[in-house]
């Protein structure tokens, strides 16, 4: 494996682990879904990195749908987000 392949592999892992992890804890939990929900209704402002993590349906916006998908993944109802497919 050359250095370019090594970097690409590790960057891909970092990007994939980002989806749904709105609080940046390294895990996808109910807290992540709550933050996405609060951001979607304007109760809180999300940082750019939180918006990137929370947009799990890939439509460029944070909506209640994103919050629901994050919650579903947190409780193992789904295996992957639409943006990962």
Protein backbone atom coordinates (compact mmCIF):
# COMPACT_ATOMS: atom_id res chain seq x y z
CA UNK A 1 0.00 0.00 0.00
CA UNK A 2 1.48 3.34 -1.00
CA UNK A 3 1.02 6.57 0.97
CA UNK A 4 -1.82 7.83 -1.27
CA UNK A 5 -3.83 4.65 -0.76
CA UNK A 6 -3.17 4.79 2.99
CA UNK A 7 -4.38 8.39 3.24
CA UNK A 8 -7.44 7.75 1.06
CA UNK A 9 -8.43 4.73 3.15
CA UNK A 10 -8.14 6.65 6.43
CA UNK A 11 -9.88 9.77 5.15
CA UNK A 12 -12.76 7.60 3.90
CA UNK A 13 -13.10 6.05 7.34
CA UNK A 14 -13.16 9.47 9.00
CA UNK A 15 -15.83 10.76 6.63
CA UNK A 16 -18.00 7.65 7.05
CA UNK A 17 -17.81 7.77 10.84
CA UNK A 18 -18.90 11.41 10.73
CA UNK A 19 -22.42 10.76 9.44
CA UNK A 20 -24.96 10.85 12.26
CA UNK A 21 -22.44 11.75 14.96
CA UNK A 22 -23.82 15.25 15.49
CA UNK A 23 -22.22 15.71 18.92
CA UNK A 24 -18.79 14.47 17.78
CA UNK A 25 -18.57 11.79 20.46
CA UNK A 26 -17.54 9.04 18.06
CA UNK A 27 -20.82 7.15 18.56
CA UNK A 28 -24.28 7.58 17.09
CA UNK A 29 -26.78 8.00 19.90
CA UNK A 30 -30.15 9.45 20.81
CA UNK A 31 -28.28 12.64 21.74
CA UNK A 32 -27.19 13.02 18.11
CA UNK A 33 -30.80 12.65 16.96
CA UNK A 34 -31.94 15.24 19.51
CA UNK A 35 -29.32 17.75 18.35
CA UNK A 36 -30.35 17.21 14.72
CA UNK A 37 -34.01 17.68 15.64
CA UNK A 38 -33.30 20.86 17.60
CA UNK A 39 -31.23 22.18 14.71
CA UNK A 40 -33.92 21.31 12.18
CA UNK A 41 -36.56 23.39 13.97
CA UNK A 42 -34.22 26.29 14.75
CA UNK A 43 -34.06 25.74 18.50
CA UNK A 44 -30.25 25.60 18.33
CA UNK A 45 -27.64 26.58 15.77
CA UNK A 46 -25.44 23.80 14.48
CA UNK A 47 -21.81 24.30 13.51
CA UNK A 48 -20.69 23.49 9.97
CA UNK A 49 -19.28 20.14 11.11
CA UNK A 50 -22.54 19.33 12.93
CA UNK A 51 -24.54 20.15 9.81
CA UNK A 52 -22.31 17.86 7.75
CA UNK A 53 -22.74 15.06 10.28
CA UNK A 54 -26.50 15.55 10.64
CA UNK A 55 -27.35 15.66 6.92
CA UNK A 56 -27.67 11.89 6.68
CA UNK A 57 -30.16 11.88 3.81
CA UNK A 58 -27.83 14.01 1.68
CA UNK A 59 -30.34 16.67 0.65
CA UNK A 60 -28.20 19.57 1.87
CA UNK A 61 -30.59 20.52 4.68
CA UNK A 62 -31.12 19.39 8.26
CA UNK A 63 -34.71 18.24 8.63
CA UNK A 64 -36.83 16.12 10.93
CA UNK A 65 -36.14 13.26 8.50
CA UNK A 66 -32.42 13.45 9.32
CA UNK A 67 -33.20 13.35 13.04
CA UNK A 68 -35.45 10.32 12.55
CA UNK A 69 -32.81 8.49 10.52
CA UNK A 70 -30.16 9.20 13.17
CA UNK A 71 -32.50 7.89 15.86
CA UNK A 72 -33.20 4.76 13.81
CA UNK A 73 -29.49 4.08 13.43
CA UNK A 74 -28.88 4.76 17.13
CA UNK A 75 -31.34 2.00 18.04
CA UNK A 76 -30.09 -0.33 15.26
CA UNK A 77 -33.29 -0.16 13.21
CA UNK A 78 -31.24 0.74 10.10
CA UNK A 79 -27.69 -0.23 9.16
CA UNK A 80 -26.73 2.71 6.96
CA UNK A 81 -27.87 6.21 6.12
CA UNK A 82 -29.13 7.09 2.62
CA UNK A 83 -26.08 9.31 2.10
CA UNK A 84 -23.85 6.25 2.64
CA UNK A 85 -25.56 4.16 -0.05
